[in-house]
PDB file of N, CA and C in Angstrom:
ATOM      1  N   MET A   1      12.553 -36.018 -54.254  1.00  0.00           N
ATOM      2  CA  MET A   1      12.067 -34.779 -53.683  1.00  0.00           C
ATOM      3  C   MET A   1      11.138 -35.136 -52.526  1.00  0.00           C
ATOM      4  N   ALA A   2      11.341 -34.476 -51.381  1.00  0.00           N
ATOM      5  CA  ALA A   2      10.545 -34.721 -50.177  1.00  0.00           C
ATOM      6  C   ALA A   2       9.810 -33.452 -49.781  1.00  0.00           C
ATOM      7  N   SER A   3       8.818 -33.615 -48.932  1.00  0.00           N
ATOM      8  CA  SER A   3       8.056 -32.486 -48.413  1.00  0.00           C
ATOM      9  C   SER A   3       8.044 -32.546 -46.891  1.00  0.00           C
ATOM     10  N   TYR A   4       8.076 -31.383 -46.264  1.00  0.00           N
ATOM     11  CA  TYR A   4       8.098 -31.293 -44.810  1.00  0.00           C
ATOM     12  C   TYR A   4       7.027 -30.332 -44.350  1.00  0.00           C
ATOM     13  N   LEU A   5       6.234 -30.734 -43.368  1.00  0.00           N
ATOM     14  CA  LEU A   5       5.198 -29.902 -42.778  1.00  0.00           C
ATOM     15  C   LEU A   5       5.788 -29.286 -41.519  1.00  0.00           C
ATOM     16  N   ILE A   6       5.869 -27.958 -41.482  1.00  0.00           N
ATOM     17  CA  ILE A   6       6.518 -27.255 -40.380  1.00  0.00           C
ATOM     18  C   ILE A   6       5.522 -26.288 -39.748  1.00  0.00           C
ATOM     19  N   GLN A   7       5.360 -26.404 -38.443  1.00  0.00           N
ATOM     20  CA  GLN A   7       4.439 -25.541 -37.703  1.00  0.00           C
ATOM     21  C   GLN A   7       4.996 -24.116 -37.660  1.00  0.00           C
ATOM     22  N   TYR A   8       4.204 -23.151 -38.138  1.00  0.00           N
ATOM     23  CA  TYR A   8       4.600 -21.741 -38.041  1.00  0.00           C
ATOM     24  C   TYR A   8       4.403 -21.311 -36.591  1.00  0.00           C
ATOM     25  N   ILE A   9       5.432 -20.704 -36.012  1.00  0.00           N
ATOM     26  CA  ILE A   9       5.360 -20.231 -34.637  1.00  0.00           C
ATOM     27  C   ILE A   9       5.339 -18.706 -34.661  1.00  0.00           C
ATOM     28  N   ASP A  10       4.326 -18.137 -34.045  1.00  0.00           N
ATOM     29  CA  ASP A  10       4.197 -16.683 -33.975  1.00  0.00           C
ATOM     30  C   ASP A  10       5.430 -16.109 -33.283  1.00  0.00           C
ATOM     31  N   PRO A  11       6.010 -15.031 -33.816  1.00  0.00           N
ATOM     32  CA  PRO A  11       7.201 -14.430 -33.185  1.00  0.00           C
ATOM     33  C   PRO A  11       6.996 -14.107 -31.701  1.00  0.00           C
ATOM     34  N   LYS A  12       5.757 -13.801 -31.307  1.00  0.00           N
ATOM     35  CA  LYS A  12       5.487 -13.526 -29.884  1.00  0.00           C
ATOM     36  C   LYS A  12       5.770 -14.751 -29.025  1.00  0.00           C
ATOM     37  N   ASP A  13       5.631 -15.926 -29.612  1.00  0.00           N
ATOM     38  CA  ASP A  13       5.863 -17.170 -28.889  1.00  0.00           C
ATOM     39  C   ASP A  13       7.234 -17.773 -29.182  1.00  0.00           C
ATOM     40  N   ASN A  14       8.080 -17.040 -29.896  1.00  0.00           N
ATOM     41  CA  ASN A  14       9.373 -17.565 -30.333  1.00  0.00           C
ATOM     42  C   ASN A  14      10.500 -16.578 -30.040  1.00  0.00           C
ATOM     43  N   GLU A  15      10.443 -15.962 -28.876  1.00  0.00           N
ATOM     44  CA  GLU A  15      11.460 -14.990 -28.460  1.00  0.00           C
ATOM     45  C   GLU A  15      11.664 -13.881 -29.491  1.00  0.00           C
ATOM     46  N   GLY A  16      10.589 -13.510 -30.194  1.00  0.00           N
ATOM     47  CA  GLY A  16      10.658 -12.432 -31.173  1.00  0.00           C
ATOM     48  C   GLY A  16      11.183 -12.837 -32.524  1.00  0.00           C
ATOM     49  N   GLU A  17      11.566 -14.106 -32.686  1.00  0.00           N
ATOM     50  CA  GLU A  17      12.127 -14.561 -33.955  1.00  0.00           C
ATOM     51  C   GLU A  17      11.021 -14.943 -34.928  1.00  0.00           C
ATOM     52  N   GLU A  18      11.136 -14.464 -36.143  1.00  0.00           N
ATOM     53  CA  GLU A  18      10.205 -14.839 -37.201  1.00  0.00           C
ATOM     54  C   GLU A  18      10.873 -15.899 -38.074  1.00  0.00           C
ATOM     55  N   ASP A  19      10.410 -17.128 -37.942  1.00  0.00           N
ATOM     56  CA  ASP A  19      10.917 -18.238 -38.746  1.00  0.00           C
ATOM     57  C   ASP A  19       9.734 -18.966 -39.338  1.00  0.00           C
ATOM     58  N   PRO A  20       9.551 -18.987 -40.597  1.00  0.00           N
ATOM     59  CA  PRO A  20      10.462 -18.486 -41.608  1.00  0.00           C
ATOM     60  C   PRO A  20      10.420 -16.961 -41.680  1.00  0.00           C
ATOM     61  N   LEU A  21      11.481 -16.392 -42.172  1.00  0.00           N
ATOM     62  CA  LEU A  21      11.553 -14.950 -42.351  1.00  0.00           C
ATOM     63  C   LEU A  21      11.075 -14.647 -43.763  1.00  0.00           C
ATOM     64  N   PHE A  22       9.785 -14.384 -43.881  1.00  0.00           N
ATOM     65  CA  PHE A  22       9.158 -14.229 -45.187  1.00  0.00           C
ATOM     66  C   PHE A  22       9.740 -13.084 -46.004  1.00  0.00           C
ATOM     67  N   SER A  23      10.223 -12.046 -45.337  1.00  0.00           N
ATOM     68  CA  SER A  23      10.730 -10.883 -46.074  1.00  0.00           C
ATOM     69  C   SER A  23      11.992 -11.189 -46.867  1.00  0.00           C
ATOM     70  N   GLU A  24      12.736 -12.229 -46.472  1.00  0.00           N
ATOM     71  CA  GLU A  24      13.974 -12.530 -47.213  1.00  0.00           C
ATOM     72  C   GLU A  24      14.037 -13.981 -47.682  1.00  0.00           C
ATOM     73  N   TYR A  25      12.945 -14.694 -47.546  1.00  0.00           N
ATOM     74  CA  TYR A  25      12.886 -16.084 -48.012  1.00  0.00           C
ATOM     75  C   TYR A  25      13.978 -16.963 -47.409  1.00  0.00           C
ATOM     76  N   THR A  26      14.123 -16.878 -46.091  1.00  0.00           N
ATOM     77  CA  THR A  26      15.056 -17.761 -45.404  1.00  0.00           C
ATOM     78  C   THR A  26      14.315 -18.472 -44.275  1.00  0.00           C
ATOM     79  N   TYR A  27      14.902 -19.550 -43.837  1.00  0.00           N
ATOM     80  CA  TYR A  27      14.341 -20.300 -42.718  1.00  0.00           C
ATOM     81  C   TYR A  27      15.487 -20.923 -41.953  1.00  0.00           C
ATOM     82  N   GLY A  28      15.380 -20.910 -40.647  1.00  0.00           N
ATOM     83  CA  GLY A  28      16.359 -21.566 -39.806  1.00  0.00           C
ATOM     84  C   GLY A  28      15.656 -22.186 -38.614  1.00  0.00           C
ATOM     85  N   ASP A  29      16.308 -23.118 -37.982  1.00  0.00           N
ATOM     86  CA  ASP A  29      15.734 -23.730 -36.791  1.00  0.00           C
ATOM     87  C   ASP A  29      16.842 -24.357 -35.971  1.00  0.00           C
ATOM     88  N   LYS A  30      16.481 -24.927 -34.841  1.00  0.00           N
ATOM     89  CA  LYS A  30      17.469 -25.493 -33.921  1.00  0.00           C
ATOM     90  C   LYS A  30      16.898 -26.762 -33.302  1.00  0.00           C
ATOM     91  N   GLU A  31      17.708 -27.418 -32.504  1.00  0.00           N
ATOM     92  CA  GLU A  31      17.350 -28.631 -31.784  1.00  0.00           C
ATOM     93  C   GLU A  31      16.849 -29.709 -32.744  1.00  0.00           C
ATOM     94  N   ASN A  32      15.743 -30.392 -32.431  1.00  0.00           N
ATOM     95  CA  ASN A  32      15.289 -31.510 -33.271  1.00  0.00           C
ATOM     96  C   ASN A  32      14.942 -31.090 -34.684  1.00  0.00           C
ATOM     97  N   ARG A  33      14.228 -29.961 -34.834  1.00  0.00           N
ATOM     98  CA  ARG A  33      13.875 -29.515 -36.190  1.00  0.00           C
ATOM     99  C   ARG A  33      15.115 -29.071 -36.947  1.00  0.00           C
ATOM    100  N   GLY A  34      16.068 -28.469 -36.247  1.00  0.00           N
ATOM    101  CA  GLY A  34      17.326 -28.095 -36.884  1.00  0.00           C
ATOM    102  C   GLY A  34      18.083 -29.318 -37.370  1.00  0.00           C
ATOM    103  N   ASN A  35      18.063 -30.390 -36.581  1.00  0.00           N
ATOM    104  CA  ASN A  35      18.727 -31.620 -36.990  1.00  0.00           C
ATOM    105  C   ASN A  35      18.074 -32.201 -38.239  1.00  0.00           C
ATOM    106  N   THR A  36      16.754 -32.159 -38.319  1.00  0.00           N
ATOM    107  CA  THR A  36      16.051 -32.628 -39.519  1.00  0.00           C
ATOM    108  C   THR A  36      16.463 -31.807 -40.731  1.00  0.00           C
ATOM    109  N   LEU A  37      16.525 -30.492 -40.567  1.00  0.00           N
ATOM    110  CA  LEU A  37      16.934 -29.629 -41.679  1.00  0.00           C
ATOM    111  C   LEU A  37      18.353 -29.959 -42.124  1.00  0.00           C
ATOM    112  N   LYS A  38      19.230 -30.159 -41.145  1.00  0.00           N
ATOM    113  CA  LYS A  38      20.648 -30.372 -41.429  1.00  0.00           C
ATOM    114  C   LYS A  38      20.909 -31.737 -42.065  1.00  0.00           C
ATOM    115  N   THR A  39      20.145 -32.742 -41.689  1.00  0.00           N
ATOM    116  CA  THR A  39      20.469 -34.099 -42.121  1.00  0.00           C
ATOM    117  C   THR A  39      19.553 -34.665 -43.202  1.00  0.00           C
ATOM    118  N   GLN A  40      18.381 -34.051 -43.425  1.00  0.00           N
ATOM    119  CA  GLN A  40      17.426 -34.658 -44.349  1.00  0.00           C
ATOM    120  C   GLN A  40      16.987 -33.765 -45.503  1.00  0.00           C
ATOM    121  N   VAL A  41      16.858 -32.461 -45.254  1.00  0.00           N
ATOM    122  CA  VAL A  41      16.327 -31.562 -46.284  1.00  0.00           C
ATOM    123  C   VAL A  41      17.377 -31.316 -47.360  1.00  0.00           C
ATOM    124  N   LEU A  42      16.948 -31.432 -48.612  1.00  0.00           N
ATOM    125  CA  LEU A  42      17.841 -31.264 -49.754  1.00  0.00           C
ATOM    126  C   LEU A  42      17.294 -30.230 -50.730  1.00  0.00           C
ATOM    127  N   LYS A  43      18.161 -29.750 -51.609  1.00  0.00           N
ATOM    128  CA  LYS A  43      17.751 -28.849 -52.681  1.00  0.00           C
ATOM    129  C   LYS A  43      16.612 -29.506 -53.461  1.00  0.00           C
ATOM    130  N   GLY A  44      15.564 -28.738 -53.724  1.00  0.00           N
ATOM    131  CA  GLY A  44      14.418 -29.246 -54.467  1.00  0.00           C
ATOM    132  C   GLY A  44      13.292 -29.763 -53.585  1.00  0.00           C
ATOM    133  N   ASP A  45      13.567 -29.966 -52.275  1.00  0.00           N
ATOM    134  CA  ASP A  45      12.508 -30.374 -51.360  1.00  0.00           C
ATOM    135  C   ASP A  45      11.561 -29.204 -51.118  1.00  0.00           C
ATOM    136  N   PHE A  46      10.381 -29.506 -50.596  1.00  0.00           N
ATOM    137  CA  PHE A  46       9.398 -28.471 -50.304  1.00  0.00           C
ATOM    138  C   PHE A  46       9.149 -28.374 -48.812  1.00  0.00           C
ATOM    139  N   LEU A  47       9.073 -27.145 -48.314  1.00  0.00           N
ATOM    140  CA  LEU A  47       8.716 -26.864 -46.931  1.00  0.00           C
ATOM    141  C   LEU A  47       7.326 -26.245 -46.920  1.00  0.00           C
ATOM    142  N   PHE A  48       6.419 -26.858 -46.187  1.00  0.00           N
ATOM    143  CA  PHE A  48       5.057 -26.346 -46.057  1.00  0.00           C
ATOM    144  C   PHE A  48       4.892 -25.829 -44.635  1.00  0.00           C
ATOM    145  N   PHE A  49       4.662 -24.523 -44.495  1.00  0.00           N
ATOM    146  CA  PHE A  49       4.463 -23.907 -43.191  1.00  0.00           C
ATOM    147  C   PHE A  49       2.967 -23.863 -42.916  1.00  0.00           C
ATOM    148  N   ASN A  50       2.598 -24.181 -41.662  1.00  0.00           N
ATOM    149  CA  ASN A  50       1.174 -24.267 -41.348  1.00  0.00           C
ATOM    150  C   ASN A  50       0.872 -23.725 -39.972  1.00  0.00           C
ATOM    151  N   ARG A  51      -0.404 -23.457 -39.770  1.00  0.00           N
ATOM    152  CA  ARG A  51      -0.959 -23.057 -38.470  1.00  0.00           C
ATOM    153  C   ARG A  51      -2.224 -23.857 -38.262  1.00  0.00           C
ATOM    154  N   SER A  52      -2.565 -24.077 -37.024  1.00  0.00           N
ATOM    155  CA  SER A  52      -3.828 -24.735 -36.712  1.00  0.00           C
ATOM    156  C   SER A  52      -4.864 -23.672 -36.379  1.00  0.00           C
ATOM    157  N   THR A  53      -6.024 -23.802 -36.989  1.00  0.00           N
ATOM    158  CA  THR A  53      -7.130 -22.885 -36.742  1.00  0.00           C
ATOM    159  C   THR A  53      -8.388 -23.724 -36.586  1.00  0.00           C
ATOM    160  N   GLU A  54      -9.041 -23.562 -35.458  1.00  0.00           N
ATOM    161  CA  GLU A  54     -10.271 -24.315 -35.193  1.00  0.00           C
ATOM    162  C   GLU A  54     -10.071 -25.803 -35.459  1.00  0.00           C
ATOM    163  N   ASP A  55      -8.967 -26.351 -34.940  1.00  0.00           N
ATOM    164  CA  ASP A  55      -8.635 -27.776 -35.081  1.00  0.00           C
ATOM    165  C   ASP A  55      -8.404 -28.230 -36.515  1.00  0.00           C
ATOM    166  N   LYS A  56      -8.104 -27.304 -37.403  1.00  0.00           N
ATOM    167  CA  LYS A  56      -7.773 -27.645 -38.787  1.00  0.00           C
ATOM    168  C   LYS A  56      -6.389 -27.096 -39.108  1.00  0.00           C
ATOM    169  N   VAL A  57      -5.628 -27.836 -39.888  1.00  0.00           N
ATOM    170  CA  VAL A  57      -4.311 -27.387 -40.315  1.00  0.00           C
ATOM    171  C   VAL A  57      -4.473 -26.565 -41.583  1.00  0.00           C
ATOM    172  N   CYS A  58      -3.940 -25.357 -41.555  1.00  0.00           N
ATOM    173  CA  CYS A  58      -4.002 -24.466 -42.719  1.00  0.00           C
ATOM    174  C   CYS A  58      -2.577 -24.164 -43.179  1.00  0.00           C
ATOM    175  N   ILE A  59      -2.289 -24.411 -44.435  1.00  0.00           N
ATOM    176  CA  ILE A  59      -0.981 -24.091 -45.002  1.00  0.00           C
ATOM    177  C   ILE A  59      -0.909 -22.581 -45.181  1.00  0.00           C
ATOM    178  N   THR A  60       0.116 -21.953 -44.611  1.00  0.00           N
ATOM    179  CA  THR A  60       0.268 -20.500 -44.721  1.00  0.00           C
ATOM    180  C   THR A  60       1.241 -20.108 -45.818  1.00  0.00           C
ATOM    181  N   ALA A  61       2.163 -21.013 -46.137  1.00  0.00           N
ATOM    182  CA  ALA A  61       3.150 -20.746 -47.196  1.00  0.00           C
ATOM    183  C   ALA A  61       3.851 -22.049 -47.536  1.00  0.00           C
ATOM    184  N   PHE A  62       4.375 -22.120 -48.746  1.00  0.00           N
ATOM    185  CA  PHE A  62       5.241 -23.253 -49.077  1.00  0.00           C
ATOM    186  C   PHE A  62       6.323 -22.775 -50.014  1.00  0.00           C
ATOM    187  N   TYR A  63       7.483 -23.402 -49.890  1.00  0.00           N
ATOM    188  CA  TYR A  63       8.647 -22.982 -50.644  1.00  0.00           C
ATOM    189  C   TYR A  63       9.453 -24.183 -51.109  1.00  0.00           C
ATOM    190  N   GLU A  64      10.122 -24.005 -52.229  1.00  0.00           N
ATOM    191  CA  GLU A  64      11.070 -24.995 -52.710  1.00  0.00           C
ATOM    192  C   GLU A  64      12.457 -24.604 -52.213  1.00  0.00           C
ATOM    193  N   VAL A  65      13.170 -25.542 -51.628  1.00  0.00           N
ATOM    194  CA  VAL A  65      14.483 -25.287 -51.048  1.00  0.00           C
ATOM    195  C   VAL A  65      15.515 -25.084 -52.158  1.00  0.00           C
ATOM    196  N   VAL A  66      16.290 -24.018 -52.049  1.00  0.00           N
ATOM    197  CA  VAL A  66      17.366 -23.724 -52.989  1.00  0.00           C
ATOM    198  C   VAL A  66      18.688 -24.260 -52.448  1.00  0.00           C
ATOM    199  N   GLU A  67      18.937 -24.070 -51.148  1.00  0.00           N
ATOM    200  CA  GLU A  67      20.150 -24.606 -50.541  1.00  0.00           C
ATOM    201  C   GLU A  67      19.999 -24.674 -49.034  1.00  0.00           C
ATOM    202  N   VAL A  68      20.759 -25.572 -48.432  1.00  0.00           N
ATOM    203  CA  VAL A  68      20.777 -25.745 -46.982  1.00  0.00           C
ATOM    204  C   VAL A  68      22.216 -25.546 -46.523  1.00  0.00           C
ATOM    205  N   LEU A  69      22.410 -24.641 -45.563  1.00  0.00           N
ATOM    206  CA  LEU A  69      23.754 -24.374 -45.037  1.00  0.00           C
ATOM    207  C   LEU A  69      23.740 -24.440 -43.515  1.00  0.00           C
ATOM    208  N   GLU A  70      24.749 -25.072 -42.944  1.00  0.00           N
ATOM    209  CA  GLU A  70      24.885 -25.050 -41.495  1.00  0.00           C
ATOM    210  C   GLU A  70      25.202 -23.627 -41.058  1.00  0.00           C
ATOM    211  N   ILE A  71      24.808 -23.295 -39.841  1.00  0.00           N
ATOM    212  CA  ILE A  71      24.938 -21.923 -39.356  1.00  0.00           C
ATOM    213  C   ILE A  71      26.385 -21.431 -39.383  1.00  0.00           C
ATOM    214  N   GLN A  72      27.348 -22.284 -38.997  1.00  0.00           N
ATOM    215  CA  GLN A  72      28.745 -21.849 -38.985  1.00  0.00           C
ATOM    216  C   GLN A  72      29.210 -21.490 -40.395  1.00  0.00           C
ATOM    217  N   LYS A  73      28.846 -22.303 -41.370  1.00  0.00           N
ATOM    218  CA  LYS A  73      29.230 -22.044 -42.756  1.00  0.00           C
ATOM    219  C   LYS A  73      28.529 -20.790 -43.277  1.00  0.00           C
ATOM    220  N   THR A  74      27.287 -20.621 -42.894  1.00  0.00           N
ATOM    221  CA  THR A  74      26.519 -19.454 -43.321  1.00  0.00           C
ATOM    222  C   THR A  74      27.159 -18.172 -42.797  1.00  0.00           C
ATOM    223  N   LYS A  75      27.575 -18.183 -41.530  1.00  0.00           N
ATOM    224  CA  LYS A  75      28.163 -16.984 -40.924  1.00  0.00           C
ATOM    225  C   LYS A  75      29.502 -16.612 -41.546  1.00  0.00           C
ATOM    226  N   MET A  76      30.178 -17.564 -42.189  1.00  0.00           N
ATOM    227  CA  MET A  76      31.466 -17.274 -42.818  1.00  0.00           C
ATOM    228  C   MET A  76      31.305 -16.718 -44.231  1.00  0.00           C
ATOM    229  N   ASP A  77      30.102 -16.723 -44.765  1.00  0.00           N
ATOM    230  CA  ASP A  77      29.848 -16.236 -46.120  1.00  0.00           C
ATOM    231  C   ASP A  77      29.457 -14.755 -46.052  1.00  0.00           C
ATOM    232  N   ASN A  78      30.385 -13.880 -46.416  1.00  0.00           N
ATOM    233  CA  ASN A  78      30.150 -12.431 -46.305  1.00  0.00           C
ATOM    234  C   ASN A  78      28.968 -11.948 -47.132  1.00  0.00           C
ATOM    235  N   SER A  79      28.723 -12.545 -48.290  1.00  0.00           N
ATOM    236  CA  SER A  79      27.586 -12.098 -49.102  1.00  0.00           C
ATOM    237  C   SER A  79      26.270 -12.418 -48.408  1.00  0.00           C
ATOM    238  N   ILE A  80      26.198 -13.529 -47.712  1.00  0.00           N
ATOM    239  CA  ILE A  80      24.985 -13.856 -46.956  1.00  0.00           C
ATOM    240  C   ILE A  80      24.852 -12.919 -45.769  1.00  0.00           C
ATOM    241  N   MET A  81      25.918 -12.720 -45.026  1.00  0.00           N
ATOM    242  CA  MET A  81      25.863 -11.869 -43.843  1.00  0.00           C
ATOM    243  C   MET A  81      25.501 -10.421 -44.184  1.00  0.00           C
ATOM    244  N   ARG A  82      25.907  -9.950 -45.364  1.00  0.00           N
ATOM    245  CA  ARG A  82      25.559  -8.589 -45.788  1.00  0.00           C
ATOM    246  C   ARG A  82      24.101  -8.473 -46.196  1.00  0.00           C
ATOM    247  N   ASN A  83      23.537  -9.537 -46.768  1.00  0.00           N
ATOM    248  CA  ASN A  83      22.224  -9.437 -47.402  1.00  0.00           C
ATOM    249  C   ASN A  83      21.061 -10.029 -46.613  1.00  0.00           C
ATOM    250  N   TYR A  84      21.340 -10.781 -45.553  1.00  0.00           N
ATOM    251  CA  TYR A  84      20.270 -11.433 -44.816  1.00  0.00           C
ATOM    252  C   TYR A  84      20.314 -11.044 -43.348  1.00  0.00           C
ATOM    253  N   ARG A  85      19.148 -10.935 -42.722  1.00  0.00           N
ATOM    254  CA  ARG A  85      19.056 -10.480 -41.336  1.00  0.00           C
ATOM    255  C   ARG A  85      18.369 -11.515 -40.444  1.00  0.00           C
ATOM    256  N   SER A  86      18.444 -12.756 -40.785  1.00  0.00           N
ATOM    257  CA  SER A  86      17.827 -13.817 -39.989  1.00  0.00           C
ATOM    258  C   SER A  86      18.318 -13.764 -38.550  1.00  0.00           C
ATOM    259  N   PRO A  87      17.429 -13.981 -37.575  1.00  0.00           N
ATOM    260  CA  PRO A  87      17.858 -13.980 -36.168  1.00  0.00           C
ATOM    261  C   PRO A  87      18.964 -14.998 -35.882  1.00  0.00           C
ATOM    262  N   HIS A  88      18.973 -16.094 -36.611  1.00  0.00           N
ATOM    263  CA  HIS A  88      20.012 -17.108 -36.402  1.00  0.00           C
ATOM    264  C   HIS A  88      21.400 -16.573 -36.776  1.00  0.00           C
ATOM    265  N   LEU A  89      21.448 -15.669 -37.729  1.00  0.00           N
ATOM    266  CA  LEU A  89      22.724 -15.091 -38.150  1.00  0.00           C
ATOM    267  C   LEU A  89      23.193 -13.997 -37.196  1.00  0.00           C
ATOM    268  N   LEU A  90      22.259 -13.341 -36.538  1.00  0.00           N
ATOM    269  CA  LEU A  90      22.596 -12.207 -35.694  1.00  0.00           C
ATOM    270  C   LEU A  90      23.030 -12.617 -34.288  1.00  0.00           C
ATOM    271  N   ARG A  91      22.680 -13.820 -33.877  1.00  0.00           N
ATOM    272  CA  ARG A  91      23.036 -14.309 -32.543  1.00  0.00           C
ATOM    273  C   ARG A  91      24.510 -14.684 -32.488  1.00  0.00           C
ATOM    274  N   ASP A  92      25.160 -14.371 -31.366  1.00  0.00           N
ATOM    275  CA  ASP A  92      26.569 -14.724 -31.194  1.00  0.00           C
ATOM    276  C   ASP A  92      26.755 -16.202 -30.864  1.00  0.00           C
ATOM    277  N   ASN A  93      25.866 -16.731 -30.018  1.00  0.00           N
ATOM    278  CA  ASN A  93      26.010 -18.135 -29.639  1.00  0.00           C
ATOM    279  C   ASN A  93      25.180 -19.019 -30.570  1.00  0.00           C
ATOM    280  N   VAL A  94      25.746 -20.159 -30.927  1.00  0.00           N
ATOM    281  CA  VAL A  94      25.069 -21.114 -31.793  1.00  0.00           C
ATOM    282  C   VAL A  94      24.469 -22.196 -30.911  1.00  0.00           C
ATOM    283  N   GLN A  95      23.190 -22.492 -31.133  1.00  0.00           N
ATOM    284  CA  GLN A  95      22.512 -23.505 -30.338  1.00  0.00           C
ATOM    285  C   GLN A  95      22.654 -24.881 -30.980  1.00  0.00           C
ATOM    286  N   GLU A  96      22.331 -25.907 -30.229  1.00  0.00           N
ATOM    287  CA  GLU A  96      22.472 -27.278 -30.715  1.00  0.00           C
ATOM    288  C   GLU A  96      21.680 -27.495 -31.994  1.00  0.00           C
ATOM    289  N   ASN A  97      22.351 -28.058 -33.002  1.00  0.00           N
ATOM    290  CA  ASN A  97      21.744 -28.364 -34.307  1.00  0.00           C
ATOM    291  C   ASN A  97      21.139 -27.144 -34.996  1.00  0.00           C
ATOM    292  N   GLU A  98      21.670 -25.955 -34.720  1.00  0.00           N
ATOM    293  CA  GLU A  98      21.113 -24.755 -35.346  1.00  0.00           C
ATOM    294  C   GLU A  98      21.528 -24.682 -36.810  1.00  0.00           C
ATOM    295  N   VAL A  99      20.529 -24.439 -37.629  1.00  0.00           N
ATOM    296  CA  VAL A  99      20.726 -24.363 -39.081  1.00  0.00           C
ATOM    297  C   VAL A  99      20.082 -23.091 -39.576  1.00  0.00           C
ATOM    298  N   ASN A 100      20.734 -22.426 -40.477  1.00  0.00           N
ATOM    299  CA  ASN A 100      20.142 -21.312 -41.195  1.00  0.00           C
ATOM    300  C   ASN A 100      20.746 -21.387 -42.578  1.00  0.00           C
ATOM    301  N   GLY A 101      20.198 -20.650 -43.479  1.00  0.00           N
ATOM    302  CA  GLY A 101      20.704 -20.761 -44.823  1.00  0.00           C
ATOM    303  C   GLY A 101      19.818 -21.687 -45.621  1.00  0.00           C
ATOM    304  N   ILE A 102      18.616 -21.953 -45.099  1.00  0.00           N
ATOM    305  CA  ILE A 102      17.610 -22.613 -45.912  1.00  0.00           C
ATOM    306  C   ILE A 102      17.044 -21.488 -46.756  1.00  0.00           C
ATOM    307  N   ARG A 103      17.512 -21.411 -47.963  1.00  0.00           N
ATOM    308  CA  ARG A 103      16.994 -20.360 -48.849  1.00  0.00           C
ATOM    309  C   ARG A 103      16.031 -21.036 -49.792  1.00  0.00           C
ATOM    310  N   TYR A 104      14.978 -20.334 -50.128  1.00  0.00           N
ATOM    311  CA  TYR A 104      13.969 -20.961 -50.959  1.00  0.00           C
ATOM    312  C   TYR A 104      13.391 -19.989 -51.945  1.00  0.00           C
ATOM    313  N   SER A 105      12.778 -20.529 -52.956  1.00  0.00           N
ATOM    314  CA  SER A 105      12.165 -19.685 -53.968  1.00  0.00           C
ATOM    315  C   SER A 105      10.660 -19.625 -53.704  1.00  0.00           C
ATOM    316  N   PRO A 106      10.080 -18.449 -53.787  1.00  0.00           N
ATOM    317  CA  PRO A 106       8.643 -18.297 -53.503  1.00  0.00           C
ATOM    318  C   PRO A 106       7.801 -18.904 -54.610  1.00  0.00           C
TER     319      PRO A 106
END
């Protein structure tokens, strides 16, 4: 079991995207962080989301990973597409190393 420290990015600074999407317990990412999710994160690993405040790192949430799915596979699963509204699922174009379908238990 591994743990990952992930910087929470305010939706205002992330093209309006809220990642992680706390309302549905999903997380997705792209580029280098997406590649890490796709190639290293496994079921049972922990994701720790954090923000920096006054030069200190504060954990805002942490979750245990239930499953990791590549975006293409996620988009083909009708039950996921019906029940989740992640920005990664709603976009038509897939970006490099884009992953969604990191579902986790609170």
